[in-house]
Protein backbone atom coordinates (compact mmCIF):
# COMPACT_ATOMS: atom_id res chain seq x y z
CA UNK A 1 -0.06 0.02 -0.04
CA UNK A 2 1.22 3.58 -0.66
CA UNK A 3 1.63 6.19 2.19
CA UNK A 4 -1.73 7.84 0.82
CA UNK A 5 -3.69 4.59 1.34
CA UNK A 6 -2.01 4.08 4.72
CA UNK A 7 -3.16 7.67 5.86
CA UNK A 8 -6.69 7.20 4.77
CA UNK A 9 -8.50 5.75 7.77
CA UNK A 10 -11.26 3.00 7.11
CA UNK A 11 -14.67 4.73 6.33
CA UNK A 12 -16.04 3.46 9.29
CA UNK A 13 -13.96 5.23 11.47
CA UNK A 14 -14.89 8.65 9.58
CA UNK A 15 -18.63 7.50 10.06
CA UNK A 16 -18.33 6.95 13.56
CA UNK A 17 -16.94 10.33 14.21
CA UNK A 18 -18.87 12.44 11.92
CA UNK A 19 -22.12 10.44 13.79
CA UNK A 20 -20.65 11.59 16.97
CA UNK A 21 -20.70 15.21 16.04
CA UNK A 22 -23.75 15.22 14.45
CA UNK A 23 -25.58 13.60 17.71
CA UNK A 24 -23.65 16.47 19.82
CA UNK A 25 -25.31 18.92 17.73
CA UNK A 26 -28.66 17.62 17.43
CA UNK A 27 -28.69 17.18 21.41
CA UNK A 28 -27.75 20.72 21.89
CA UNK A 29 -30.43 21.53 19.61
CA UNK A 30 -33.13 19.75 21.43
CA UNK A 31 -32.08 19.53 25.05
CA UNK A 32 -32.65 23.27 25.93
CA UNK A 33 -36.50 23.24 24.90
CA UNK A 34 -38.00 21.15 27.53
CA UNK A 35 -35.92 23.09 30.16
CA UNK A 36 -36.61 26.30 28.65
CA UNK A 37 -38.74 27.23 31.92
CA UNK A 38 -36.12 25.94 34.28
CA UNK A 39 -33.33 28.16 32.62
CA UNK A 40 -35.78 31.34 32.47
CA UNK A 41 -36.23 31.12 36.15
CA UNK A 42 -32.57 30.51 37.12
CA UNK A 43 -31.42 33.07 34.86
CA UNK A 44 -34.08 35.63 36.09
CA UNK A 45 -35.56 36.41 32.82
CA UNK A 46 -38.76 36.74 31.02
CA UNK A 47 -40.45 34.45 28.63
CA UNK A 48 -39.63 36.54 25.81
CA UNK A 49 -35.81 36.39 26.67
CA UNK A 50 -35.84 32.81 27.24
CA UNK A 51 -37.41 32.28 23.97
CA UNK A 52 -34.24 33.74 22.26
CA UNK A 53 -32.33 31.17 23.82
CA UNK A 54 -33.78 28.79 20.96
CA UNK A 55 -34.11 31.85 18.15
CA UNK A 56 -30.50 32.49 18.65
CA UNK A 57 -29.19 29.14 17.93
CA UNK A 58 -31.68 28.83 14.95
CA UNK A 59 -30.71 32.29 13.54
CA UNK A 60 -26.97 31.41 13.87
CA UNK A 61 -27.19 27.85 12.07
CA UNK A 62 -29.13 29.34 9.28
CA UNK A 63 -26.61 31.79 8.43
CA UNK A 64 -23.45 29.91 9.05
CA UNK A 65 -24.25 26.63 7.69
CA UNK A 66 -24.54 27.30 3.78
CA UNK A 67 -21.54 29.37 4.16
CA UNK A 68 -19.59 26.79 5.88
CA UNK A 69 -20.72 24.42 3.49
CA UNK A 70 -19.51 26.56 0.73
CA UNK A 71 -15.95 27.07 2.48
CA UNK A 72 -15.95 23.26 2.79
CA UNK A 73 -16.32 22.82 -0.92
CA UNK A 74 -13.59 25.44 -1.50
CA UNK A 75 -10.77 25.09 1.08
CA UNK A 76 -11.33 21.43 2.53
CA UNK A 77 -14.30 19.56 4.29
CA UNK A 78 -12.12 18.42 7.26
CA UNK A 79 -10.36 21.86 7.97
CA UNK A 80 -13.63 23.44 8.04
CA UNK A 81 -15.68 20.71 10.31
CA UNK A 82 -12.71 20.83 12.75
CA UNK A 83 -13.10 24.71 12.99
CA UNK A 84 -16.82 24.48 13.24
CA UNK A 85 -16.62 22.01 16.22
CA UNK A 86 -13.85 23.85 17.61
CA UNK A 87 -16.50 27.03 17.74
CA UNK A 88 -19.09 24.73 18.64
CA UNK A 89 -16.98 23.57 21.69
CA UNK A 90 -16.39 27.04 22.83
CA UNK A 91 -19.96 28.02 22.62
CA UNK A 92 -20.94 24.90 24.78
CA UNK A 93 -18.50 25.72 27.37
CA UNK A 94 -19.68 29.46 27.51
CA UNK A 95 -23.52 28.12 27.71
CA UNK A 96 -22.35 25.95 30.57
CA UNK A 97 -20.77 28.69 32.58
CA UNK A 98 -23.76 31.33 31.95
CA UNK A 99 -25.22 32.81 34.80
CA UNK A 100 -27.27 35.60 32.75
CA UNK A 101 -29.41 35.66 29.93
CA UNK A 102 -27.33 37.92 28.03
CA UNK A 103 -24.28 35.38 28.12
CA UNK A 104 -26.52 32.55 27.32
CA UNK A 105 -27.72 34.18 24.14
CA UNK A 106 -24.36 35.00 23.17
CA UNK A 107 -23.37 31.39 23.77
CA UNK A 108 -26.41 29.94 21.73
CA UNK A 109 -25.33 32.03 18.77
CA UNK A 110 -21.65 30.63 18.88
CA UNK A 111 -23.18 27.19 18.94
CA UNK A 112 -25.42 27.76 16.29
CA UNK A 113 -22.01 27.50 14.02
CA UNK A 114 -22.44 23.74 14.42
CA UNK A 115 -25.22 23.44 12.07
CA UNK A 116 -22.75 23.10 9.30
CA UNK A 117 -21.70 19.73 10.64
CA UNK A 118 -24.35 18.00 8.58
CA UNK A 119 -23.69 19.34 5.10
CA UNK A 120 -19.78 19.06 5.77
CA UNK A 121 -20.24 15.47 6.94
CA UNK A 122 -22.35 14.67 3.73
CA UNK A 123 -19.59 16.00 1.60
CA UNK A 124 -16.96 13.97 3.64
CA UNK A 125 -19.19 10.80 2.99
CA UNK A 126 -19.43 11.31 -0.57
CA UNK A 127 -15.81 11.85 -1.08
CA UNK A 128 -14.26 9.47 1.09
CA UNK A 129 -16.69 6.13 1.30
CA UNK A 130 -16.89 3.39 -1.42
CA UNK A 131 -19.50 4.52 -4.14
CA UNK A 132 -22.03 1.90 -3.03
CA UNK A 133 -21.84 2.60 0.89
CA UNK A 134 -22.48 6.59 0.19
CA UNK A 135 -26.33 6.45 0.21
CA UNK A 136 -26.11 4.54 3.33
CA UNK A 137 -23.89 6.92 4.95
CA UNK A 138 -26.00 9.90 4.28
CA UNK A 139 -29.19 8.28 5.04
CA UNK A 140 -27.91 7.36 8.78
CA UNK A 141 -26.31 11.03 9.12
CA UNK A 142 -29.64 12.52 8.01
CA UNK A 143 -31.62 10.11 10.59
CA UNK A 144 -29.22 11.32 13.26
CA UNK A 145 -30.70 14.86 13.38
CA UNK A 146 -33.93 13.60 14.24
CA UNK A 147 -32.97 10.91 16.51
CA UNK A 148 -30.77 13.45 18.28
CA UNK A 149 -33.59 15.71 18.28
CA UNK A 150 -35.98 12.97 20.00
CA UNK A 151 -33.04 12.01 22.31
CA UNK A 152 -32.66 15.65 23.34
CA UNK A 153 -36.49 15.92 24.69
CA UNK A 154 -36.49 12.66 26.24
CA UNK A 155 -33.29 13.09 28.45
CA UNK A 156 -33.69 16.76 29.12
CA UNK A 157 -36.26 16.14 31.85
CA UNK A 158 -33.72 13.50 34.04
CA UNK A 159 -30.63 15.72 33.61
CA UNK A 160 -32.40 18.87 34.97
CA UNK A 161 -34.11 16.94 37.79
CA UNK A 162 -31.02 15.17 38.85
CA UNK A 163 -28.25 17.53 37.93
CA UNK A 164 -28.88 21.05 36.67
CA UNK A 165 -29.75 22.79 33.57
CA UNK A 166 -25.81 23.43 33.27
CA UNK A 167 -25.55 19.80 32.49
CA UNK A 168 -27.61 20.07 29.38
CA UNK A 169 -24.38 21.37 28.03
CA UNK A 170 -21.59 19.73 29.85
CA UNK A 171 -22.96 16.18 28.69
CA UNK A 172 -22.76 17.01 24.93
CA UNK A 173 -19.48 18.69 25.45
CA UNK A 174 -17.82 15.77 26.16
CA UNK A 175 -18.94 14.45 22.76
CA UNK A 176 -17.90 17.56 20.84
CA UNK A 177 -14.54 17.34 22.23
CA UNK A 178 -14.14 13.84 21.40
CA UNK A 179 -15.48 14.66 17.88
CA UNK A 180 -12.81 17.50 17.29
CA UNK A 181 -9.55 15.10 18.55
CA UNK A 182 -11.00 12.15 16.29
CA UNK A 183 -11.60 14.15 13.35
CA UNK A 184 -8.32 15.99 13.50
CA UNK A 185 -6.22 12.29 13.62
CA UNK A 186 -8.35 10.12 12.04
CA UNK A 187 -10.56 11.83 9.39
CA UNK A 188 -8.60 12.42 6.15
CA UNK A 189 -8.83 15.56 4.07
CA UNK A 190 -10.59 15.23 0.97
CA UNK A 191 -8.93 15.95 -2.38
CA UNK A 192 -12.17 17.24 -3.92
CA UNK A 193 -12.12 21.13 -3.83
CA UNK A 194 -13.30 24.04 -5.89
CA UNK A 195 -10.89 26.84 -6.04
CA UNK A 196 -12.52 30.36 -5.57
CA UNK A 197 -13.85 32.99 -3.16
CA UNK A 198 -16.76 34.08 -1.82
CA UNK A 199 -18.23 37.54 -2.34
CA UNK A 200 -18.93 39.21 0.78
CA UNK A 201 -22.02 40.81 -0.44
CA UNK A 202 -23.43 37.79 -1.45
CA UNK A 203 -22.83 36.39 2.06
CA UNK A 204 -24.32 39.40 3.70
CA UNK A 205 -27.50 39.36 1.55
CA UNK A 206 -27.88 35.85 2.60
CA UNK A 207 -27.45 36.35 6.21
CA UNK A 208 -29.99 39.56 5.91
CA UNK A 209 -32.82 37.74 4.41
CA UNK A 210 -32.48 34.75 6.60
CA UNK A 211 -32.25 36.99 9.83
CA UNK A 212 -35.26 39.02 8.36
CA UNK A 213 -37.40 36.28 7.77
CA UNK A 214 -36.82 33.93 10.73
CA UNK A 215 -37.06 36.53 13.37
CA UNK A 216 -40.51 37.60 13.03
CA UNK A 217 -41.55 33.72 12.18
CA UNK A 218 -40.09 32.94 15.69
CA UNK A 219 -41.26 36.01 17.74
CA UNK A 220 -44.41 36.92 15.63
CA UNK A 221 -46.47 35.11 18.70
CA UNK A 222 -45.23 37.36 21.33
CA UNK A 223 -44.94 40.37 19.12
CA UNK A 224 -48.07 39.98 17.63
CA UNK A 225 -48.42 39.03 13.78
CA UNK A 226 -49.37 42.48 12.68
CA UNK A 227 -46.99 44.54 14.74
CA UNK A 228 -44.92 46.89 13.18
CA UNK A 229 -41.63 45.02 13.93
CA UNK A 230 -43.03 42.02 12.56
CA UNK A 231 -44.49 43.43 9.11
CA UNK A 232 -41.40 45.53 8.77
CA UNK A 233 -39.00 42.61 8.82
CA UNK A 234 -41.23 40.36 6.54
CA UNK A 235 -41.08 43.19 4.05
CA UNK A 236 -37.16 43.44 4.47
CA UNK A 237 -36.91 39.94 3.78
CA UNK A 238 -39.19 40.01 0.95
CA UNK A 239 -37.12 42.86 -0.44
CA UNK A 240 -33.77 40.89 0.09
CA UNK A 241 -34.62 37.78 -1.35
CA UNK A 242 -35.14 38.47 -4.85
CA UNK A 243 -31.85 40.83 -4.62
CA UNK A 244 -29.94 38.02 -3.22
CA UNK A 245 -30.91 35.82 -6.06
CA UNK A 246 -30.22 38.56 -8.58
CA UNK A 247 -26.82 39.48 -7.05
CA UNK A 248 -25.60 35.58 -6.83
CA UNK A 249 -27.01 34.91 -10.71
CA UNK A 250 -24.57 37.57 -11.73
CA UNK A 251 -21.59 37.06 -9.49
CA UNK A 252 -18.57 35.25 -10.40
CA UNK A 253 -17.87 34.02 -6.90
CA UNK A 254 -21.61 33.39 -5.55
CA UNK A 255 -22.08 31.62 -1.99
CA UNK A 256 -24.96 29.58 -3.67
CA UNK A 257 -24.80 29.14 -7.47
CA UNK A 258 -28.17 30.02 -8.77
CA UNK A 259 -27.97 27.32 -11.49
CA UNK A 260 -27.57 24.51 -9.18
CA UNK A 261 -30.61 25.85 -7.48
CA UNK A 262 -32.71 25.87 -10.56
CA UNK A 263 -32.10 22.11 -11.20
CA UNK A 264 -35.36 20.33 -11.02
CA UNK A 265 -33.73 17.89 -8.44
CA UNK A 266 -32.64 20.28 -5.93
CA UNK A 267 -35.86 22.84 -5.86
CA UNK A 268 -38.03 20.11 -5.57
CA UNK A 269 -36.25 18.47 -2.74
CA UNK A 270 -35.82 21.73 -1.06
CA UNK A 271 -39.57 22.31 -1.25
CA UNK A 272 -39.87 18.70 0.28
CA UNK A 273 -37.81 20.00 3.00
CA UNK A 274 -39.53 22.79 3.78
CA UNK A 275 -42.93 20.78 4.24
CA UNK A 276 -41.27 18.01 6.19
CA UNK A 277 -39.39 20.58 8.51
CA UNK A 278 -42.93 21.86 9.21
CA UNK A 279 -44.17 18.33 10.19
CA UNK A 280 -41.31 17.37 12.46
CA UNK A 281 -40.69 20.44 14.35
CA UNK A 282 -44.63 20.78 15.04
CA UNK A 283 -44.64 17.37 16.51
CA UNK A 284 -41.70 18.29 19.03
CA UNK A 285 -43.97 21.10 20.13
CA UNK A 286 -47.51 19.60 20.07
CA UNK A 287 -47.12 16.43 21.33
CA UNK A 288 -45.24 17.15 24.80
CA UNK A 289 -47.36 20.07 25.28
CA UNK A 290 -50.53 17.76 24.57
CA UNK A 291 -49.64 15.08 26.94
CA UNK A 292 -48.49 17.39 29.79
CA UNK A 293 -51.62 19.20 30.14
CA UNK A 294 -53.75 17.99 33.10
CA UNK A 295 -56.04 15.20 33.21
CA UNK A 296 -58.56 17.65 34.38
CA UNK A 297 -58.91 18.84 31.04
CA UNK A 298 -60.70 15.77 29.84
CA UNK A 299 -58.17 14.97 27.40
CA UNK A 300 -54.51 15.74 28.71
CA UNK A 301 -52.30 13.05 30.10
CA UNK A 302 -51.12 15.23 32.93
CA UNK A 303 -47.67 13.80 32.47
CA UNK A 304 -44.21 15.14 33.79
CA UNK A 305 -41.40 16.81 31.47
CA UNK A 306 -39.71 13.37 31.68
CA UNK A 307 -42.86 11.35 31.17
CA UNK A 308 -43.81 13.38 27.90
CA UNK A 309 -40.07 12.81 26.67
CA UNK A 310 -40.79 9.00 26.71
CA UNK A 311 -43.88 9.68 24.49
CA UNK A 312 -41.03 10.94 21.99
CA UNK A 313 -39.10 7.51 22.15
CA UNK A 314 -41.03 5.61 19.39
CA UNK A 315 -40.34 8.40 16.96
CA UNK A 316 -36.64 8.33 17.86
CA UNK A 317 -36.80 4.25 17.25
CA UNK A 318 -38.74 4.74 13.71
CA UNK A 319 -35.96 7.27 12.77
CA UNK A 320 -33.28 4.49 13.52
CA UNK A 321 -35.13 2.16 11.81
CA UNK A 322 -36.26 3.94 8.59
CA UNK A 323 -32.78 5.58 7.96
CA UNK A 324 -30.76 2.30 7.20
CA UNK A 325 -33.69 1.29 4.80
CA UNK A 326 -33.93 4.40 3.14
CA UNK A 327 -30.34 4.14 2.31
CA UNK A 328 -30.73 0.52 0.86
CA UNK A 329 -33.52 1.88 -1.18
CA UNK A 330 -31.74 4.96 -2.45
CA UNK A 331 -29.02 2.11 -3.58
CA UNK A 332 -31.22 0.02 -5.30
CA UNK A 333 -34.23 2.01 -6.78
CA UNK A 334 -33.49 5.73 -6.26
CA UNK A 335 -34.16 7.99 -3.70
CA UNK A 336 -37.57 9.07 -4.58
CA UNK A 337 -39.42 6.10 -3.20
CA UNK A 338 -38.17 6.42 -0.14
CA UNK A 339 -39.24 10.26 0.12
CA UNK A 340 -42.72 9.07 -1.35
CA UNK A 341 -42.91 6.38 1.69
CA UNK A 342 -41.96 9.06 4.08
CA UNK A 343 -44.74 11.14 2.86
CA UNK A 344 -47.40 8.78 3.47
CA UNK A 345 -45.83 7.72 6.74
CA UNK A 346 -45.79 11.02 8.11
CA UNK A 347 -49.18 12.22 6.89
CA UNK A 348 -50.89 9.32 8.12
CA UNK A 349 -49.02 9.48 11.91
CA UNK A 350 -50.70 13.26 11.98
CA UNK A 351 -54.25 11.67 10.57
CA UNK A 352 -53.82 9.14 13.44
CA UNK A 353 -52.99 11.98 16.27
CA UNK A 354 -56.02 13.94 14.98
CA UNK A 355 -58.61 11.20 14.78
CA UNK A 356 -57.27 9.16 18.01
CA UNK A 357 -55.54 10.56 21.16
CA UNK A 358 -57.27 9.50 23.98
CA UNK A 359 -54.87 6.66 25.24
CA UNK A 360 -51.33 6.05 25.69
CA UNK A 361 -50.67 3.47 22.91
CA UNK A 362 -52.69 5.79 20.46
CA UNK A 363 -49.92 8.39 20.73
CA UNK A 364 -47.09 5.89 20.90
CA UNK A 365 -48.40 4.06 17.68
CA UNK A 366 -48.62 7.58 15.79
CA UNK A 367 -45.25 8.65 16.94
CA UNK A 368 -43.35 5.42 16.06
CA UNK A 369 -45.29 5.89 12.37
CA UNK A 370 -44.17 9.41 12.24
CA UNK A 371 -40.67 8.73 13.25
CA UNK A 372 -40.56 6.03 10.20
CA UNK A 373 -41.90 8.70 7.92
CA UNK A 374 -39.36 11.48 9.09
CA UNK A 375 -36.43 8.97 9.04
CA UNK A 376 -37.30 7.74 5.26
CA UNK A 377 -37.82 11.49 4.15
CA UNK A 378 -34.70 13.13 5.78
CA UNK A 379 -32.56 10.17 4.65
CA UNK A 380 -33.72 10.62 1.07
CA UNK A 381 -33.62 14.16 0.85
CA UNK A 382 -29.98 14.37 1.28
CA UNK A 383 -29.39 11.64 -1.35
CA UNK A 384 -31.47 13.41 -3.64
CA UNK A 385 -29.54 16.50 -3.21
CA UNK A 386 -26.16 14.58 -3.64
CA UNK A 387 -27.39 12.74 -6.57
CA UNK A 388 -28.49 16.12 -8.28
CA UNK A 389 -25.35 18.13 -7.82
CA UNK A 390 -21.46 17.96 -8.67
CA UNK A 391 -19.21 16.53 -5.80
CA UNK A 392 -17.58 20.31 -5.91
CA UNK A 393 -20.97 21.67 -4.75
CA UNK A 394 -22.16 19.06 -2.14
CA UNK A 395 -21.52 21.14 0.88
CA UNK A 396 -23.35 24.39 -0.28
CA UNK A 397 -26.16 22.30 -1.77
CA UNK A 398 -26.72 20.16 1.18
CA UNK A 399 -26.40 23.14 3.48
CA UNK A 400 -29.23 24.71 1.87
CA UNK A 401 -31.37 21.93 2.15
CA UNK A 402 -30.53 21.96 5.87
CA UNK A 403 -31.66 25.58 6.20
CA UNK A 404 -34.90 25.10 4.08
CA UNK A 405 -35.58 22.35 6.13
CA UNK A 406 -34.99 24.69 9.37
CA UNK A 407 -37.00 27.62 8.08
CA UNK A 408 -40.04 25.18 7.46
CA UNK A 409 -39.43 23.91 11.32
CA UNK A 410 -39.67 27.32 12.49
CA UNK A 411 -42.86 28.17 10.57
CA UNK A 412 -44.44 24.75 11.52
CA UNK A 413 -43.62 25.45 15.27
CA UNK A 414 -45.09 28.91 15.31
CA UNK A 415 -48.43 27.95 13.06
CA UNK A 416 -49.23 24.77 15.16
CA UNK A 417 -48.64 26.70 18.54
CA UNK A 418 -50.79 29.64 17.09
CA UNK A 419 -53.73 27.53 16.47
CA UNK A 420 -53.65 25.91 19.80
CA UNK A 421 -53.31 29.50 21.33
CA UNK A 422 -56.02 30.49 19.51
CA UNK A 423 -58.38 28.10 21.40
CA UNK A 424 -57.29 28.95 25.02
CA UNK A 425 -60.27 29.38 27.33
CA UNK A 426 -60.92 31.42 30.49
CA UNK A 427 -58.77 28.71 32.52
CA UNK A 428 -55.96 30.04 30.52
CA UNK A 429 -55.57 26.22 28.59
CA UNK A 430 -56.22 25.42 25.33
CA UNK A 431 -59.08 22.70 24.11
CA UNK A 432 -58.73 19.79 22.63
CA UNK A 433 -60.33 21.01 19.44
CA UNK A 434 -57.27 23.32 18.80
CA UNK A 435 -54.87 20.29 18.97
CA UNK A 436 -57.05 18.20 16.62
CA UNK A 437 -56.83 21.35 14.11
CA UNK A 438 -53.15 21.39 14.52
CA UNK A 439 -52.32 17.85 13.97
CA UNK A 440 -54.81 18.33 10.69
CA UNK A 441 -53.20 21.14 9.68
CA UNK A 442 -49.65 19.21 9.84
CA UNK A 443 -51.21 16.19 8.19
CA UNK A 444 -52.29 18.67 5.19
CA UNK A 445 -49.06 20.07 4.92
CA UNK A 446 -47.52 16.57 4.73
CA UNK A 447 -50.40 15.71 2.22
CA UNK A 448 -48.71 18.33 -0.01
CA UNK A 449 -45.40 17.14 0.71
CA UNK A 450 -46.49 14.04 -1.12
CA UNK A 451 -47.58 15.72 -4.10
CA UNK A 452 -44.07 17.77 -4.31
CA UNK A 453 -42.45 14.21 -3.89
CA UNK A 454 -44.02 13.20 -7.04
CA UNK A 455 -42.38 16.22 -8.83
CA UNK A 456 -39.04 14.89 -7.79
CA UNK A 457 -37.16 13.48 -10.64
CA UNK A 458 -36.63 9.72 -10.37
CA UNK A 459 -33.25 9.43 -11.83
CA UNK A 460 -31.16 6.65 -11.10
CA UNK A 461 -29.97 5.05 -8.05
CA UNK A 462 -27.74 6.70 -5.79
CA UNK A 463 -24.87 4.34 -6.38
CA UNK A 464 -25.13 5.02 -10.29
CA UNK A 465 -25.05 8.95 -9.93
CA UNK A 466 -22.14 8.90 -7.52
CA UNK A 467 -20.43 6.01 -9.81
CA UNK A 468 -20.93 8.63 -12.88
CA UNK A 469 -19.78 11.69 -10.74
CA UNK A 470 -16.47 9.66 -9.67
């Protein structure tokens, strides 16, 4: 074997380290949500201030992810991944030490850089794995986002109950540090690069419209959807988006190649990601809130935060089961079929929740079906993007897909929460009808996702596509 062959680790080692980094980021994304009230009390802040703990993370990840993906395509995926992990570790340390809401929000902004882990991991897998293993690797990393999200909701209660909210950051930090060290020593640097530069104006325009769109989506419920701040920011986003598209279309060094974004396999998959983000994140909001309502309401389960997390376990199991199957289907028949299956399963799960939610087993069954649907869909979308774009655009293309999914999640969580809030009665609690309507709205959105999935080009199997690219 040549020295180059010796230096390149077995792809299973690379996958293990990428999975470790992905799990750490997904946990940091979801662990905080169930403990938000505890953090609010300990940091002596308001509900609006505590909400920024989630919003700051979302905004930062949205801005950094596509830019870091592009930098990885240009300067090396391993180099940029290590930098992202170091920044994530620094933000996690600061969050663990935070004793004020200001410091916590700054820490969450820094942590948001970890959103770039997923597109960089997809690009490394495409470059380093054997061609026949690429779809499986991408499918499993995709599933980890949902699996980590579900685990975070399950683990948050016990961690806060037996330790303190600071340990919501210290435990994932161990995984982040291990991923940093392992990546430095064992993940090979990809030889696939695209020399170039990033136009700062394009990056600023991209950041501007993402911030202008996501802030009012996240804060609209507390600000008021017709308030001056909300409408002004939506107007800014409406102006900046076409300006950004126009500028990137004419730039010699675009952050995001508009020709790539116009590919049918890319824009249809991104539209599907928007809808599936809506469904997944709305379930993370609706189901825990539903089961935690007191049984005196006539429909709530009176569950604690810890028990509410257990209702999410079947979804996590479903994602874990569906991810590898989706990868196998992508290899043999292409990635469109698992996307269609994911659409059907996810829609069916919300129909089940809307129609029957009186017993524990009904919730558990619906969440298992939802997890299977999300596992199929998320894994297939990443593979569809990889199949549709050249290898030197993998990072930025999958980064944009991740951001579109995040935008869909932000919209879904706010829309469904708004539906439930609109039914609050004199005792300050929502009605069963509000949840039924919210579940039905999510089912309708995922039915639209099925129609969008039909428009995705069937193409060839992922193995054939990657082989041709190689």
